[in-house]
Protein backbone atom coordinates (compact mmCIF):
# COMPACT_ATOMS: atom_id res chain seq x y z
CA MET A 1 -20.41 3.63 -21.24
CA THR A 2 -21.28 0.03 -20.41
CA LEU A 3 -20.31 -1.79 -17.33
CA ASP A 4 -17.78 -4.02 -19.21
CA ASP A 5 -16.31 -0.77 -20.70
CA ALA A 6 -15.87 0.65 -17.15
CA TYR A 7 -14.07 -2.43 -16.05
CA VAL A 8 -11.85 -2.57 -19.02
CA SER A 9 -10.95 0.95 -18.39
CA CYS A 10 -9.84 0.05 -14.67
CA ILE A 11 -7.92 -2.84 -15.80
CA ARG A 12 -5.95 -0.95 -18.39
CA LEU A 13 -5.24 1.82 -15.51
CA ALA A 14 -4.03 -0.72 -13.21
CA ARG A 15 -1.51 -2.25 -15.92
CA GLU A 16 -0.19 1.17 -16.76
CA HIS A 17 1.02 2.23 -13.46
CA TYR A 18 4.18 1.13 -12.15
CA GLU A 19 4.09 -0.63 -8.62
CA ASN A 20 6.48 -2.84 -6.63
CA PHE A 21 3.60 -5.22 -6.20
CA PRO A 22 1.19 -7.07 -8.70
CA VAL A 23 -2.03 -5.59 -9.05
CA ALA A 24 -4.64 -8.17 -10.13
CA SER A 25 -1.99 -10.47 -11.51
CA ARG A 26 -2.64 -13.72 -13.50
CA LEU A 27 -2.23 -15.30 -10.07
CA MET A 28 -5.65 -14.16 -9.01
CA PRO A 29 -8.83 -15.89 -10.23
CA ALA A 30 -10.06 -14.18 -13.57
CA ARG A 31 -13.33 -13.58 -12.22
CA LEU A 32 -11.89 -11.19 -9.50
CA ARG A 33 -9.27 -9.20 -11.58
CA PRO A 34 -11.77 -6.65 -12.97
CA HIS A 35 -12.97 -6.00 -9.39
CA ILE A 36 -9.52 -5.65 -7.82
CA ALA A 37 -8.81 -3.44 -10.85
CA ALA A 38 -11.85 -1.14 -10.00
CA VAL A 39 -10.62 -0.83 -6.34
CA TYR A 40 -7.10 -0.05 -7.42
CA ALA A 41 -8.36 2.67 -10.07
CA PHE A 42 -10.51 4.37 -7.29
CA ALA A 43 -7.51 4.43 -4.93
CA ARG A 44 -4.94 5.43 -7.86
CA HIS A 45 -7.17 8.49 -8.85
CA ALA A 46 -7.43 9.55 -5.23
CA ASP A 47 -3.76 9.20 -4.60
CA ASP A 48 -3.00 11.47 -7.49
CA MET A 49 -5.25 14.14 -6.33
CA ALA A 50 -3.63 14.11 -2.99
CA ASP A 51 0.05 14.16 -4.40
CA GLU A 52 0.41 14.87 -7.91
CA GLY A 53 0.43 18.13 -9.86
CA GLU A 54 0.95 21.88 -8.76
CA ILE A 55 -2.56 22.63 -7.56
CA SER A 56 -3.25 24.08 -4.03
CA ILE A 57 -4.06 22.17 -0.93
CA GLU A 58 -7.40 23.49 -0.88
CA GLU A 59 -8.05 22.34 -4.47
CA ARG A 60 -6.82 18.87 -3.62
CA ARG A 61 -9.23 18.62 -0.74
CA ARG A 62 -11.97 19.73 -3.13
CA GLN A 63 -11.46 17.07 -5.51
CA LEU A 64 -11.03 14.44 -2.84
CA GLU A 65 -14.33 15.49 -1.37
CA THR A 66 -15.98 15.28 -4.86
CA TRP A 67 -14.44 11.82 -5.22
CA ARG A 68 -16.01 11.04 -2.00
CA ARG A 69 -19.55 12.14 -3.14
CA LYS A 70 -19.07 10.15 -6.03
CA LEU A 71 -18.33 7.17 -3.76
CA VAL A 72 -21.42 7.59 -1.70
CA SER A 73 -23.86 8.04 -4.74
CA CYS A 74 -22.35 4.95 -6.58
CA VAL A 75 -23.28 2.48 -3.98
CA THR A 76 -26.91 3.03 -4.59
CA GLU A 77 -27.04 4.14 -8.24
CA ALA A 78 -25.16 3.71 -11.50
CA SER A 79 -22.48 6.34 -12.23
CA ASP A 80 -21.53 7.84 -15.46
CA HIS A 81 -17.94 7.64 -14.42
CA PRO A 82 -16.08 4.45 -15.29
CA VAL A 83 -14.27 4.07 -12.06
CA PHE A 84 -17.65 4.46 -10.13
CA LEU A 85 -19.67 2.44 -12.31
CA ALA A 86 -17.34 -0.34 -11.94
CA LEU A 87 -16.79 0.18 -8.15
CA GLY A 88 -20.32 0.52 -7.40
CA ASP A 89 -21.05 -2.96 -8.95
CA THR A 90 -18.26 -4.32 -7.09
CA ILE A 91 -19.40 -2.95 -3.88
CA ARG A 92 -22.81 -4.36 -4.31
CA GLN A 93 -21.82 -7.65 -5.62
CA PHE A 94 -19.45 -8.45 -2.78
CA SER A 95 -21.24 -6.55 0.07
CA ILE A 96 -18.00 -4.55 0.84
CA PRO A 97 -18.27 -2.15 3.65
CA GLU A 98 -18.22 1.54 2.29
CA ARG A 99 -16.49 2.57 5.34
CA LEU A 100 -13.27 0.89 4.05
CA PHE A 101 -13.17 3.38 1.14
CA HIS A 102 -13.78 6.27 3.30
CA ASP A 103 -10.87 5.18 5.41
CA LEU A 104 -8.70 5.28 2.26
CA LEU A 105 -10.10 8.78 1.29
CA ASP A 106 -9.22 10.01 4.94
CA ALA A 107 -5.66 8.90 4.42
CA PHE A 108 -5.56 10.83 1.36
CA VAL A 109 -6.83 13.73 2.62
CA GLN A 110 -4.34 13.42 5.75
CA ASP A 111 -1.60 13.40 2.75
CA THR A 112 -2.45 16.92 1.84
CA HIS A 113 -1.61 18.49 5.15
CA VAL A 114 0.67 16.23 7.23
CA ARG A 115 4.21 16.35 6.48
CA GLU A 116 5.73 14.48 9.36
CA TYR A 117 4.78 12.05 12.13
CA PRO A 118 5.93 12.52 15.84
CA THR A 119 5.89 8.89 16.64
CA PHE A 120 5.81 5.40 15.19
CA ASP A 121 2.23 4.97 16.78
CA ALA A 122 1.18 8.11 14.90
CA LEU A 123 2.45 6.29 11.74
CA LEU A 124 0.69 3.19 12.42
CA GLU A 125 -2.56 5.11 12.65
CA TYR A 126 -2.06 6.38 9.28
CA CYS A 127 -1.34 2.83 8.05
CA GLN A 128 -4.81 1.65 9.43
CA ARG A 129 -6.43 4.15 6.92
CA SER A 130 -3.89 4.23 3.97
CA ALA A 131 -3.00 0.49 3.82
CA ASN A 132 -5.28 -1.93 5.92
CA PRO A 133 -8.44 -1.18 4.08
CA VAL A 134 -7.07 -2.64 0.78
CA GLY A 135 -6.27 -5.85 2.43
CA ARG A 136 -9.88 -6.10 3.93
CA ILE A 137 -11.33 -5.30 0.72
CA VAL A 138 -9.41 -8.13 -1.03
CA LEU A 139 -10.73 -10.48 1.74
CA ALA A 140 -14.18 -9.19 1.25
CA LEU A 141 -13.92 -10.09 -2.42
CA HIS A 142 -12.93 -13.78 -1.47
CA GLY A 143 -15.81 -13.98 1.14
CA LEU A 144 -13.34 -14.41 3.95
CA PRO A 145 -14.35 -13.77 7.52
CA ASP A 146 -12.88 -10.50 8.92
CA ASP A 147 -12.28 -11.63 12.65
CA HIS A 148 -9.87 -14.26 11.73
CA THR A 149 -8.20 -12.90 8.75
CA ALA A 150 -7.99 -9.15 9.50
CA PRO A 151 -5.02 -9.21 12.11
CA PRO A 152 -2.51 -10.78 9.76
CA SER A 153 -3.89 -9.14 6.78
CA ASP A 154 -3.42 -5.83 8.60
CA ALA A 155 0.02 -6.85 9.46
CA LEU A 156 1.02 -7.41 5.76
CA CYS A 157 -0.66 -4.36 4.43
CA THR A 158 1.05 -2.20 7.16
CA GLY A 159 4.41 -3.88 6.54
CA LEU A 160 4.01 -2.97 2.58
CA GLN A 161 3.07 0.64 3.47
CA LEU A 162 6.20 0.91 5.79
CA VAL A 163 8.26 -0.70 3.15
CA ASN A 164 7.05 2.01 0.45
CA PHE A 165 8.08 4.81 3.30
CA TRP A 166 11.67 3.64 3.75
CA GLN A 167 12.10 3.01 0.06
CA ASP A 168 10.86 6.43 -0.91
CA ILE A 169 12.66 8.63 1.47
CA SER A 170 14.52 10.34 -1.42
CA VAL A 171 11.35 10.95 -3.25
CA ASP A 172 9.19 11.92 -0.35
CA ARG A 173 11.69 14.72 1.02
CA ARG A 174 11.32 16.33 -2.34
CA LYS A 175 7.79 16.79 -1.73
CA SER A 176 8.60 18.16 1.81
CA ARG A 177 7.40 15.06 3.42
CA VAL A 178 9.21 12.74 6.07
CA TYR A 179 7.64 9.50 7.40
CA ILE A 180 10.55 8.50 9.53
CA PRO A 181 9.22 9.08 13.13
CA VAL A 182 10.56 12.51 14.52
CA GLU A 183 11.18 10.93 17.88
CA ASP A 184 13.53 8.36 16.34
CA LEU A 185 15.41 11.09 14.54
CA GLN A 186 15.75 13.37 17.56
CA ARG A 187 16.98 10.42 19.52
CA HIS A 188 20.07 10.32 17.24
CA GLY A 189 20.25 14.19 17.04
CA ILE A 190 18.87 14.37 13.58
CA SER A 191 16.31 17.14 12.45
CA VAL A 192 13.75 16.62 10.06
CA GLN A 193 15.29 19.54 8.07
CA THR A 194 18.33 17.20 7.62
CA VAL A 195 16.44 14.67 6.17
CA LEU A 196 14.69 17.07 3.73
CA GLU A 197 17.87 18.21 2.67
CA GLY A 198 19.03 14.69 1.65
CA GLU A 199 22.27 14.62 4.12
CA ASP A 200 23.35 11.01 4.28
CA ASN A 201 25.30 10.07 7.39
CA HIS A 202 25.80 7.19 9.70
CA ARG A 203 23.27 8.41 12.28
CA LEU A 204 20.49 8.51 9.59
CA ARG A 205 21.34 5.18 8.34
CA THR A 206 21.16 3.77 11.74
CA VAL A 207 17.57 5.17 12.24
CA ILE A 208 16.58 3.75 8.68
CA ALA A 209 18.12 0.29 9.76
CA ALA A 210 15.97 0.40 12.78
CA GLN A 211 12.59 0.88 10.91
CA VAL A 212 13.68 -1.67 8.27
CA GLU A 213 13.99 -4.15 11.42
CA ARG A 214 10.79 -3.35 12.96
CA THR A 215 9.00 -3.62 9.65
CA HIS A 216 10.36 -7.13 8.87
CA ARG A 217 8.26 -8.12 12.20
CA TYR A 218 5.06 -7.08 10.24
CA PHE A 219 5.92 -9.46 7.55
CA ASP A 220 6.55 -12.12 10.34
CA ASP A 221 3.19 -11.40 11.75
CA ALA A 222 1.39 -11.81 8.37
CA ILE A 223 2.49 -15.45 8.06
CA PRO A 224 -0.58 -17.01 9.64
CA LEU A 225 -2.79 -15.28 6.75
CA PHE A 226 -1.36 -17.79 4.27
CA ALA A 227 -3.02 -20.90 5.78
CA MET A 228 -6.43 -19.10 6.04
CA VAL A 229 -6.82 -18.19 2.28
CA PRO A 230 -7.58 -20.28 -0.96
CA LEU A 231 -4.68 -21.18 -3.02
CA ARG A 232 -4.83 -18.63 -5.73
CA LEU A 233 -5.00 -15.79 -3.13
CA ARG A 234 -2.23 -17.38 -1.36
CA LEU A 235 0.03 -17.38 -4.43
CA GLU A 236 -0.77 -13.99 -4.95
CA LEU A 237 -0.03 -12.89 -1.31
CA SER A 238 2.99 -14.85 -1.52
CA ALA A 239 4.30 -12.79 -4.55
CA ILE A 240 3.33 -9.49 -2.68
CA TRP A 241 4.96 -10.65 0.63
CA ARG A 242 8.23 -11.68 -1.11
CA GLY A 243 8.23 -8.41 -3.15
CA GLY A 244 8.00 -6.26 0.19
CA VAL A 245 10.61 -8.28 1.80
CA ARG A 246 12.83 -8.05 -1.35
CA ILE A 247 12.76 -4.30 -1.15
CA LEU A 248 13.71 -4.56 2.50
CA GLU A 249 16.71 -6.83 1.38
CA LYS A 250 17.84 -4.22 -1.23
CA ILE A 251 17.63 -1.37 1.33
CA GLU A 252 19.84 -3.34 3.54
CA ASN A 253 22.26 -4.42 0.73
CA GLN A 254 22.90 -0.70 -0.17
CA GLY A 255 23.43 0.22 3.44
CA TYR A 256 20.39 2.32 4.43
CA THR A 257 21.22 5.04 2.02
CA THR A 258 17.74 5.61 0.80
CA VAL A 259 17.70 9.34 1.63
CA ARG A 260 19.75 9.61 -1.54
CA VAL A 261 19.07 6.36 -3.76
CA ARG A 262 15.63 5.02 -4.17
CA PRO A 263 15.97 1.02 -4.64
CA SER A 264 13.57 -0.81 -6.89
CA LEU A 265 12.82 -4.46 -8.04
CA SER A 266 14.57 -5.26 -11.13
CA LEU A 267 13.42 -7.97 -13.69
CA THR A 268 15.59 -10.50 -12.06
CA ASP A 269 13.80 -9.65 -8.76
CA LYS A 270 10.37 -9.78 -10.17
CA ILE A 271 11.13 -13.09 -11.62
CA ALA A 272 12.40 -14.54 -8.27
CA VAL A 273 9.35 -12.89 -6.63
CA PHE A 274 6.95 -14.88 -8.75
CA SER A 275 8.95 -17.93 -9.17
CA GLY A 276 9.36 -18.10 -5.45
CA ALA A 277 5.64 -17.71 -4.87
CA LEU A 278 4.81 -20.52 -7.55
CA LEU A 279 7.57 -22.81 -6.45
CA LYS A 280 7.80 -22.41 -2.70
CA GLY A 281 4.34 -21.41 -1.78
CA SER A 282 3.76 -19.83 1.61
CA PRO A 283 6.88 -17.77 2.97
CA HIS A 284 8.19 -18.68 6.43
CA ALA A 285 8.93 -16.10 9.49
CA ARG A 286 12.57 -15.64 10.21
CA PRO A 287 14.30 -17.71 12.74
CA GLY A 288 13.40 -16.63 16.40
CA TYR A 289 10.02 -15.28 15.35
CA ARG A 290 7.65 -14.73 18.29
CA HIS A 291 4.06 -13.96 17.42
């Protein structure tokens, strides 16, 4: 397989998988789309190893550690695997820190055995590995300095991860997984088992509403990032930001019933997200925002 073939394979994978948010979309410079697709393909495969199919936890971890070994070797030598052939080239071209990919793998390994989180801080620690590295990798692809752009990028990535948690409560509970902090549930007299059983009540809706509100603040904290990045990336991030906020709005509009019903972006929503990015540019924080 040639390097070009490897990148084509990664791009195909990125386009075939459903996501709320654009992956290597037309808003991004054409020269970077293959590299973003290579990163996505790496993470997509690892995510499937951690969460799909009927294999045992031990086998999932074995597959993830095999994936890690391929990551280590692809940095210094050409791989015969399309994902790592493309990813190794991307890492070398843009001098992307290898630790960012190891952080992602650590998060996927964590998914194999952690089913609940005692506090919101514990959930944020997970986001530091599962989401924030993706933003920093994208910044590295654009040659942007880490010290200025990393904090608002982390805020955006954490916000997107939290959106996914509150959107997918009905999906995750069927996998015996609950991301709502246990202390928040207990404060309202709710057990983890209640969530796993899909019981929809006012107390749970109140807890979900509180999670949605705190997530909005991460999107507000991401606003400074837009002034730091070039136009094409700004448009892409604007679309991603608007997609995340739109999901939060849909959760609000359905009355925080995501323990039973999963909201998703309709075609109309997606058109609004992209047109908003193109016509309105950078989003704005909510009234009363204090950084």
